[in-house]
Amino acid sequence: MKNQEVKKKGRRKASRTIQIDNENVRVTSWLFEPNTETGWHKHVYNYIVVPQSEGTLSIENKETKVLHHLKMGKSYYRELGVEHNVINKNDYSFSFIEIELK
């Protein structure tokens, strides 16, 4: 799948490239330029995020906005079902690999 970038309310969408999508897993590479976002979405699979750089992302859900400082290579796991938006709050590019477990 090719990279996607769409404008919404003055904030551009982060670029994503699906690297693998089979019956077991979907692996997506995300690249966030400064002040770009994923857009509101809800995962239908449990997933793992592997930061490829260090920096701060804002994670918004319906109730809260939380700043998370991520370190390169320090993975984290999340369960499916929470609607959220991810925004790059750095003044530089940030990237991570997302692994969805089908």
C-alpha atoms as a PDB file:
ATOM      1  CA  MET A   1       0.000   0.000   0.000  1.00  0.00           C
ATOM      2  CA  LYS A   2       1.391   3.425  -0.828  1.00  0.00           C
ATOM      3  CA  ASN A   3       1.931   6.256   1.643  1.00  0.00           C
ATOM      4  CA  GLN A   4      -1.135   8.293   2.572  1.00  0.00           C
ATOM      5  CA  GLU A   5      -1.318  11.933   3.578  1.00  0.00           C
ATOM      6  CA  VAL A   6      -4.573  13.882   3.940  1.00  0.00           C
ATOM      7  CA  LYS A   7      -5.286  17.353   5.340  1.00  0.00           C
ATOM      8  CA  LYS A   8      -7.839  17.657   8.147  1.00  0.00           C
ATOM      9  CA  LYS A   9      -8.555  20.767  10.224  1.00  0.00           C
ATOM     10  CA  GLY A  10      -5.137  22.264   9.485  1.00  0.00           C
ATOM     11  CA  ARG A  11      -3.242  19.158  10.627  1.00  0.00           C
ATOM     12  CA  ARG A  12      -1.902  16.729   8.038  1.00  0.00           C
ATOM     13  CA  LYS A  13      -2.093  12.963   8.364  1.00  0.00           C
ATOM     14  CA  ALA A  14       1.037  11.016   9.186  1.00  0.00           C
ATOM     15  CA  SER A  15       2.332   8.776   6.396  1.00  0.00           C
ATOM     16  CA  ARG A  16       1.836   5.052   6.705  1.00  0.00           C
ATOM     17  CA  THR A  17       3.142   2.158   4.685  1.00  0.00           C
ATOM     18  CA  ILE A  18       1.779  -1.340   5.202  1.00  0.00           C
ATOM     19  CA  GLN A  19       4.768  -3.662   4.989  1.00  0.00           C
ATOM     20  CA  ILE A  20       3.085  -7.007   5.710  1.00  0.00           C
ATOM     21  CA  ASP A  21      -0.603  -7.927   5.752  1.00  0.00           C
ATOM     22  CA  ASN A  22      -1.421 -11.629   5.924  1.00  0.00           C
ATOM     23  CA  GLU A  23      -3.686 -13.971   7.910  1.00  0.00           C
ATOM     24  CA  ASN A  24      -1.524 -13.638  11.057  1.00  0.00           C
ATOM     25  CA  VAL A  25      -0.211 -10.084  11.267  1.00  0.00           C
ATOM     26  CA  ARG A  26      -0.306  -6.576   9.808  1.00  0.00           C
ATOM     27  CA  VAL A  27       2.930  -4.563  10.059  1.00  0.00           C
ATOM     28  CA  THR A  28       2.680  -0.829   9.358  1.00  0.00           C
ATOM     29  CA  SER A  29       5.470   1.730   9.272  1.00  0.00           C
ATOM     30  CA  TRP A  30       4.337   5.181  10.465  1.00  0.00           C
ATOM     31  CA  LEU A  31       6.208   8.416   9.750  1.00  0.00           C
ATOM     32  CA  PHE A  32       5.051  11.560  11.558  1.00  0.00           C
ATOM     33  CA  GLU A  33       6.307  14.928  10.399  1.00  0.00           C
ATOM     34  CA  PRO A  34       5.925  17.632  13.099  1.00  0.00           C
ATOM     35  CA  ASN A  35       2.269  18.262  14.034  1.00  0.00           C
ATOM     36  CA  THR A  36       0.877  15.377  11.963  1.00  0.00           C
ATOM     37  CA  GLU A  37      -1.620  12.815  13.247  1.00  0.00           C
ATOM     38  CA  THR A  38      -2.986   9.350  12.604  1.00  0.00           C
ATOM     39  CA  GLY A  39      -6.564  10.600  12.685  1.00  0.00           C
ATOM     40  CA  TRP A  40      -9.217   9.085  14.947  1.00  0.00           C
ATOM     41  CA  HIS A  41      -9.257   5.301  14.685  1.00  0.00           C
ATOM     42  CA  LYS A  42     -10.005   2.105  16.608  1.00  0.00           C
ATOM     43  CA  HIS A  43      -7.881  -1.036  16.358  1.00  0.00           C
ATOM     44  CA  VAL A  44      -9.700  -4.293  15.684  1.00  0.00           C
ATOM     45  CA  TYR A  45      -6.622  -6.307  16.736  1.00  0.00           C
ATOM     46  CA  ASN A  46      -4.272  -6.220  19.729  1.00  0.00           C
ATOM     47  CA  TYR A  47      -1.051  -4.494  18.715  1.00  0.00           C
ATOM     48  CA  ILE A  48       2.560  -3.702  19.535  1.00  0.00           C
ATOM     49  CA  VAL A  49       4.312  -0.401  18.794  1.00  0.00           C
ATOM     50  CA  VAL A  50       8.087  -0.319  18.259  1.00  0.00           C
ATOM     51  CA  PRO A  51       9.414   3.283  18.266  1.00  0.00           C
ATOM     52  CA  GLN A  52      12.094   3.907  15.631  1.00  0.00           C
ATOM     53  CA  SER A  53      13.041   7.272  17.143  1.00  0.00           C
ATOM     54  CA  GLU A  54      12.795   9.043  20.496  1.00  0.00           C
ATOM     55  CA  GLY A  55      10.285  11.765  21.215  1.00  0.00           C
ATOM     56  CA  THR A  56       6.897  12.810  22.551  1.00  0.00           C
ATOM     57  CA  LEU A  57       3.526  11.885  21.099  1.00  0.00           C
ATOM     58  CA  SER A  58       0.116  13.075  22.267  1.00  0.00           C
ATOM     59  CA  ILE A  59      -2.380  10.240  22.607  1.00  0.00           C
ATOM     60  CA  GLU A  60      -5.992  11.462  22.646  1.00  0.00           C
ATOM     61  CA  ASN A  61      -9.077   9.449  23.425  1.00  0.00           C
ATOM     62  CA  LYS A  62     -12.632  10.599  24.134  1.00  0.00           C
ATOM     63  CA  GLU A  63     -11.813  11.476  27.767  1.00  0.00           C
ATOM     64  CA  THR A  64      -8.135  12.450  27.905  1.00  0.00           C
ATOM     65  CA  LYS A  65      -5.062  13.793  26.137  1.00  0.00           C
ATOM     66  CA  VAL A  66      -1.816  12.335  27.454  1.00  0.00           C
ATOM     67  CA  LEU A  67       1.752  13.077  26.405  1.00  0.00           C
ATOM     68  CA  HIS A  68       3.909   9.948  26.095  1.00  0.00           C
ATOM     69  CA  HIS A  69       7.682  10.092  25.813  1.00  0.00           C
ATOM     70  CA  LEU A  70       8.818   7.142  23.713  1.00  0.00           C
ATOM     71  CA  LYS A  71      12.344   5.745  23.477  1.00  0.00           C
ATOM     72  CA  MET A  72      13.759   4.154  20.354  1.00  0.00           C
ATOM     73  CA  GLY A  73      13.377   0.364  20.454  1.00  0.00           C
ATOM     74  CA  LYS A  74      11.336   0.314  23.696  1.00  0.00           C
ATOM     75  CA  SER A  75       8.174  -1.474  22.555  1.00  0.00           C
ATOM     76  CA  TYR A  76       4.746  -1.367  24.161  1.00  0.00           C
ATOM     77  CA  TYR A  77       1.559  -3.434  23.834  1.00  0.00           C
ATOM     78  CA  ARG A  78      -2.056  -2.228  23.620  1.00  0.00           C
ATOM     79  CA  GLU A  79      -5.347  -4.066  23.417  1.00  0.00           C
ATOM     80  CA  LEU A  80      -7.910  -3.496  20.708  1.00  0.00           C
ATOM     81  CA  GLY A  81     -10.999  -1.355  20.980  1.00  0.00           C
ATOM     82  CA  VAL A  82     -10.040   2.114  22.249  1.00  0.00           C
ATOM     83  CA  GLU A  83     -10.769   4.925  19.789  1.00  0.00           C
ATOM     84  CA  HIS A  84      -7.819   7.323  19.747  1.00  0.00           C
ATOM     85  CA  ASN A  85      -5.692   9.784  17.772  1.00  0.00           C
ATOM     86  CA  VAL A  86      -1.877  10.048  17.846  1.00  0.00           C
ATOM     87  CA  ILE A  87      -0.155  13.422  17.234  1.00  0.00           C
ATOM     88  CA  ASN A  88       3.565  14.194  16.854  1.00  0.00           C
ATOM     89  CA  LYS A  89       4.341  16.994  19.333  1.00  0.00           C
ATOM     90  CA  ASN A  90       8.043  17.166  18.400  1.00  0.00           C
ATOM     91  CA  ASP A  91       9.585  19.781  16.110  1.00  0.00           C
ATOM     92  CA  TYR A  92      11.187  16.889  14.186  1.00  0.00           C
ATOM     93  CA  SER A  93      10.034  13.704  12.451  1.00  0.00           C
ATOM     94  CA  PHE A  94       9.074  10.676  14.532  1.00  0.00           C
ATOM     95  CA  SER A  95       8.500   7.097  13.392  1.00  0.00           C
ATOM     96  CA  PHE A  96       7.324   3.771  14.724  1.00  0.00           C
ATOM     97  CA  ILE A  97       6.438   0.290  13.531  1.00  0.00           C
ATOM     98  CA  GLU A  98       2.977  -0.986  14.474  1.00  0.00           C
ATOM     99  CA  ILE A  99       2.408  -4.755  14.603  1.00  0.00           C
ATOM    100  CA  GLU A 100      -1.239  -5.820  14.731  1.00  0.00           C
ATOM    101  CA  LEU A 101      -1.822  -9.408  15.878  1.00  0.00           C
ATOM    102  CA  LYS A 102      -4.691 -11.015  13.975  1.00  0.00           C
END
